[in-house]
C-alpha cells in the first residue's frame, strides 16, 4: 500500500534502489554469456560435438540474465 511518504516533493513516486550487488551480478552473467558465445563460435567453426552443449549453456545463461533483470528492474 502506497503512502504519502512514497512520493517526493514533485509528486513523483520514490522507488527503492537496487542492492549494490545486482548490477555487478548482471554484468558478470553477461560476461559469462559472452565467453560461452565465443567458445560456441570456435566449436561451430571446428565442427566440435560440444557445440550443442554450448548452445544450451548460452540459452540458460540468457534465461538467468533475463530473470535477474526482470526481478530487479521491473518495479
N, C-alpha and C. Protein backbone atom coordinates (compact mmCIF):
# COMPACT_ATOMS: atom_id res chain seq x y z
N UNK A 1 0.83 -1.17 0.00
CA UNK A 1 0.00 0.00 0.00
C UNK A 1 0.89 1.25 0.00
N UNK A 2 0.64 2.13 -0.94
CA UNK A 2 1.43 3.35 -1.07
C UNK A 2 0.96 4.38 -0.05
N UNK A 3 1.91 5.10 0.49
CA UNK A 3 1.59 6.17 1.42
C UNK A 3 2.11 7.49 0.86
N UNK A 4 1.80 8.54 1.53
CA UNK A 4 2.25 9.87 1.10
C UNK A 4 3.78 9.95 1.08
N UNK A 5 4.43 9.22 1.98
CA UNK A 5 5.89 9.27 2.07
C UNK A 5 6.56 8.56 0.90
N UNK A 6 5.79 7.84 0.04
CA UNK A 6 6.35 7.17 -1.12
C UNK A 6 6.48 8.11 -2.32
N UNK A 7 6.23 9.39 -2.12
CA UNK A 7 6.32 10.37 -3.20
C UNK A 7 7.25 11.49 -2.76
N UNK A 8 7.95 12.09 -3.74
CA UNK A 8 8.84 13.20 -3.40
C UNK A 8 8.07 14.52 -3.50
N UNK A 9 8.79 15.63 -3.38
CA UNK A 9 8.15 16.95 -3.39
C UNK A 9 7.37 17.23 -4.67
N UNK A 10 7.83 16.68 -5.79
CA UNK A 10 7.19 16.92 -7.08
C UNK A 10 6.06 15.95 -7.37
N UNK A 11 5.80 15.05 -6.45
CA UNK A 11 4.74 14.07 -6.64
C UNK A 11 5.18 12.80 -7.35
N UNK A 12 6.46 12.71 -7.71
CA UNK A 12 6.96 11.51 -8.38
C UNK A 12 7.13 10.39 -7.36
N UNK A 13 6.87 9.18 -7.82
CA UNK A 13 6.99 8.03 -6.93
C UNK A 13 8.46 7.76 -6.61
N UNK A 14 8.76 7.51 -5.36
CA UNK A 14 10.11 7.19 -4.92
C UNK A 14 10.23 5.68 -4.85
N UNK A 15 11.25 5.14 -5.55
CA UNK A 15 11.45 3.70 -5.57
C UNK A 15 12.71 3.35 -4.80
N UNK A 16 12.70 2.16 -4.24
CA UNK A 16 13.87 1.67 -3.51
C UNK A 16 15.00 1.40 -4.51
N UNK A 17 16.21 1.73 -4.13
CA UNK A 17 17.37 1.50 -5.00
C UNK A 17 17.69 0.01 -5.07
N UNK A 18 18.31 -0.39 -6.17
CA UNK A 18 18.75 -1.77 -6.31
C UNK A 18 19.84 -2.08 -5.29
N UNK A 19 19.88 -3.30 -4.79
CA UNK A 19 21.01 -3.67 -3.94
C UNK A 19 22.31 -3.47 -4.74
N UNK A 20 23.36 -3.08 -4.09
CA UNK A 20 24.61 -2.73 -4.76
C UNK A 20 25.18 -3.88 -5.60
N UNK A 21 24.92 -5.12 -5.20
CA UNK A 21 25.50 -6.26 -5.90
C UNK A 21 24.76 -6.62 -7.18
N UNK A 22 23.54 -6.16 -7.37
CA UNK A 22 22.75 -6.58 -8.53
C UNK A 22 23.37 -6.13 -9.86
N UNK A 23 23.77 -4.88 -10.02
CA UNK A 23 24.40 -4.51 -11.29
C UNK A 23 25.67 -5.33 -11.57
N UNK A 24 26.43 -5.61 -10.52
CA UNK A 24 27.63 -6.43 -10.68
C UNK A 24 27.25 -7.85 -11.10
N UNK A 25 26.22 -8.39 -10.50
CA UNK A 25 25.75 -9.73 -10.85
C UNK A 25 25.31 -9.79 -12.31
N UNK A 26 24.54 -8.80 -12.74
CA UNK A 26 24.08 -8.76 -14.14
C UNK A 26 25.28 -8.67 -15.08
N UNK A 27 26.24 -7.81 -14.76
CA UNK A 27 27.42 -7.66 -15.59
C UNK A 27 28.20 -8.98 -15.69
N UNK A 28 28.34 -9.69 -14.58
CA UNK A 28 29.08 -10.95 -14.59
C UNK A 28 28.35 -12.04 -15.38
N UNK A 29 27.04 -12.09 -15.24
CA UNK A 29 26.26 -13.08 -16.01
C UNK A 29 26.40 -12.79 -17.50
N UNK A 30 26.37 -11.52 -17.87
CA UNK A 30 26.56 -11.15 -19.29
C UNK A 30 27.96 -11.51 -19.76
N UNK A 31 28.94 -11.33 -18.90
CA UNK A 31 30.33 -11.67 -19.25
C UNK A 31 30.47 -13.17 -19.51
N UNK A 32 29.85 -13.96 -18.66
CA UNK A 32 29.88 -15.42 -18.84
C UNK A 32 29.20 -15.79 -20.16
N UNK A 33 28.06 -15.14 -20.45
CA UNK A 33 27.36 -15.39 -21.71
C UNK A 33 28.23 -15.07 -22.92
N UNK A 34 28.97 -13.98 -22.84
CA UNK A 34 29.87 -13.61 -23.95
C UNK A 34 30.98 -14.65 -24.12
N UNK A 35 31.49 -15.15 -23.02
CA UNK A 35 32.54 -16.17 -23.09
C UNK A 35 32.00 -17.45 -23.71
N UNK A 36 30.82 -17.84 -23.31
CA UNK A 36 30.20 -19.05 -23.89
C UNK A 36 29.99 -18.84 -25.38
N UNK A 37 29.54 -17.65 -25.76
CA UNK A 37 29.31 -17.35 -27.18
C UNK A 37 30.61 -17.45 -27.98
N UNK A 38 31.70 -16.95 -27.43
CA UNK A 38 32.98 -17.04 -28.12
C UNK A 38 33.42 -18.50 -28.30
N UNK A 39 33.21 -19.30 -27.25
CA UNK A 39 33.53 -20.73 -27.36
C UNK A 39 32.64 -21.41 -28.40
N UNK A 40 31.39 -21.01 -28.45
CA UNK A 40 30.46 -21.59 -29.41
C UNK A 40 30.87 -21.29 -30.85
N UNK A 41 31.33 -20.08 -31.11
CA UNK A 41 31.80 -19.72 -32.45
C UNK A 41 32.95 -20.63 -32.86
N UNK A 42 33.89 -20.85 -31.95
CA UNK A 42 35.03 -21.73 -32.24
C UNK A 42 34.56 -23.16 -32.45
N UNK A 43 33.67 -23.63 -31.57
CA UNK A 43 33.19 -25.02 -31.67
C UNK A 43 32.46 -25.26 -32.98
N UNK A 44 31.67 -24.29 -33.41
CA UNK A 44 30.96 -24.45 -34.70
C UNK A 44 31.95 -24.45 -35.87
N UNK A 45 32.93 -23.56 -35.81
CA UNK A 45 33.92 -23.47 -36.90
C UNK A 45 34.72 -24.75 -37.03
N UNK A 46 34.98 -25.40 -35.90
CA UNK A 46 35.78 -26.62 -35.92
C UNK A 46 34.91 -27.88 -35.94
N UNK A 47 33.60 -27.65 -36.00
CA UNK A 47 32.63 -28.75 -36.07
C UNK A 47 32.76 -29.70 -34.87
N UNK A 48 32.96 -29.13 -33.69
CA UNK A 48 33.06 -29.94 -32.48
C UNK A 48 31.67 -30.35 -32.02
N UNK A 49 31.58 -31.55 -31.46
CA UNK A 49 30.30 -32.05 -30.99
C UNK A 49 29.80 -31.29 -29.75
N UNK A 50 30.67 -30.62 -29.07
CA UNK A 50 30.30 -29.88 -27.86
C UNK A 50 29.46 -28.64 -28.18
N UNK A 51 29.35 -28.28 -29.44
CA UNK A 51 28.61 -27.07 -29.83
C UNK A 51 27.17 -27.10 -29.32
N UNK A 52 26.52 -28.25 -29.38
CA UNK A 52 25.12 -28.34 -28.90
C UNK A 52 25.04 -28.05 -27.39
N UNK A 53 26.01 -28.57 -26.64
CA UNK A 53 26.04 -28.30 -25.20
C UNK A 53 26.27 -26.82 -24.92
N UNK A 54 27.13 -26.20 -25.71
CA UNK A 54 27.39 -24.77 -25.53
C UNK A 54 26.16 -23.93 -25.89
N UNK A 55 25.41 -24.36 -26.90
CA UNK A 55 24.16 -23.67 -27.25
C UNK A 55 23.18 -23.70 -26.09
N UNK A 56 23.06 -24.86 -25.46
CA UNK A 56 22.17 -24.99 -24.30
C UNK A 56 22.65 -24.12 -23.14
N UNK A 57 23.96 -24.11 -22.92
CA UNK A 57 24.53 -23.29 -21.84
C UNK A 57 24.28 -21.81 -22.11
N UNK A 58 24.39 -21.39 -23.36
CA UNK A 58 24.14 -20.00 -23.71
C UNK A 58 22.68 -19.63 -23.49
N UNK A 59 21.78 -20.53 -23.86
CA UNK A 59 20.35 -20.30 -23.62
C UNK A 59 20.06 -20.16 -22.13
N UNK A 60 20.66 -21.03 -21.32
CA UNK A 60 20.46 -20.95 -19.87
C UNK A 60 21.04 -19.66 -19.30
N UNK A 61 22.18 -19.26 -19.80
CA UNK A 61 22.80 -18.01 -19.34
C UNK A 61 21.90 -16.82 -19.66
N UNK A 62 21.34 -16.80 -20.84
CA UNK A 62 20.43 -15.72 -21.23
C UNK A 62 19.16 -15.73 -20.38
N UNK A 63 18.67 -16.92 -20.07
CA UNK A 63 17.47 -17.03 -19.23
C UNK A 63 17.75 -16.51 -17.81
N UNK A 64 18.92 -16.83 -17.29
CA UNK A 64 19.30 -16.35 -15.96
C UNK A 64 19.41 -14.83 -15.97
N UNK A 65 20.05 -14.29 -17.00
CA UNK A 65 20.18 -12.83 -17.11
C UNK A 65 18.81 -12.17 -17.16
N UNK A 66 17.92 -12.71 -17.97
CA UNK A 66 16.57 -12.14 -18.09
C UNK A 66 15.83 -12.21 -16.75
N UNK A 67 15.96 -13.32 -16.06
CA UNK A 67 15.31 -13.47 -14.76
C UNK A 67 15.81 -12.42 -13.76
N UNK A 68 17.12 -12.24 -13.72
CA UNK A 68 17.69 -11.25 -12.80
C UNK A 68 17.23 -9.84 -13.16
N UNK A 69 17.33 -9.51 -14.44
CA UNK A 69 16.93 -8.17 -14.87
C UNK A 69 15.45 -7.93 -14.60
N UNK A 70 14.61 -8.89 -14.96
CA UNK A 70 13.17 -8.74 -14.73
C UNK A 70 12.83 -8.62 -13.24
N UNK A 71 13.52 -9.39 -12.43
CA UNK A 71 13.26 -9.38 -11.00
C UNK A 71 13.60 -8.05 -10.34
N UNK A 72 14.75 -7.50 -10.74
CA UNK A 72 15.24 -6.31 -10.04
C UNK A 72 14.97 -4.98 -10.74
N UNK A 73 14.50 -5.00 -11.97
CA UNK A 73 14.30 -3.72 -12.65
C UNK A 73 12.83 -3.42 -12.95
N UNK A 74 11.96 -4.38 -12.87
CA UNK A 74 10.54 -4.11 -13.17
C UNK A 74 9.80 -3.85 -11.88
N UNK A 75 9.88 -2.63 -11.43
CA UNK A 75 9.23 -2.26 -10.16
C UNK A 75 8.09 -1.34 -10.42
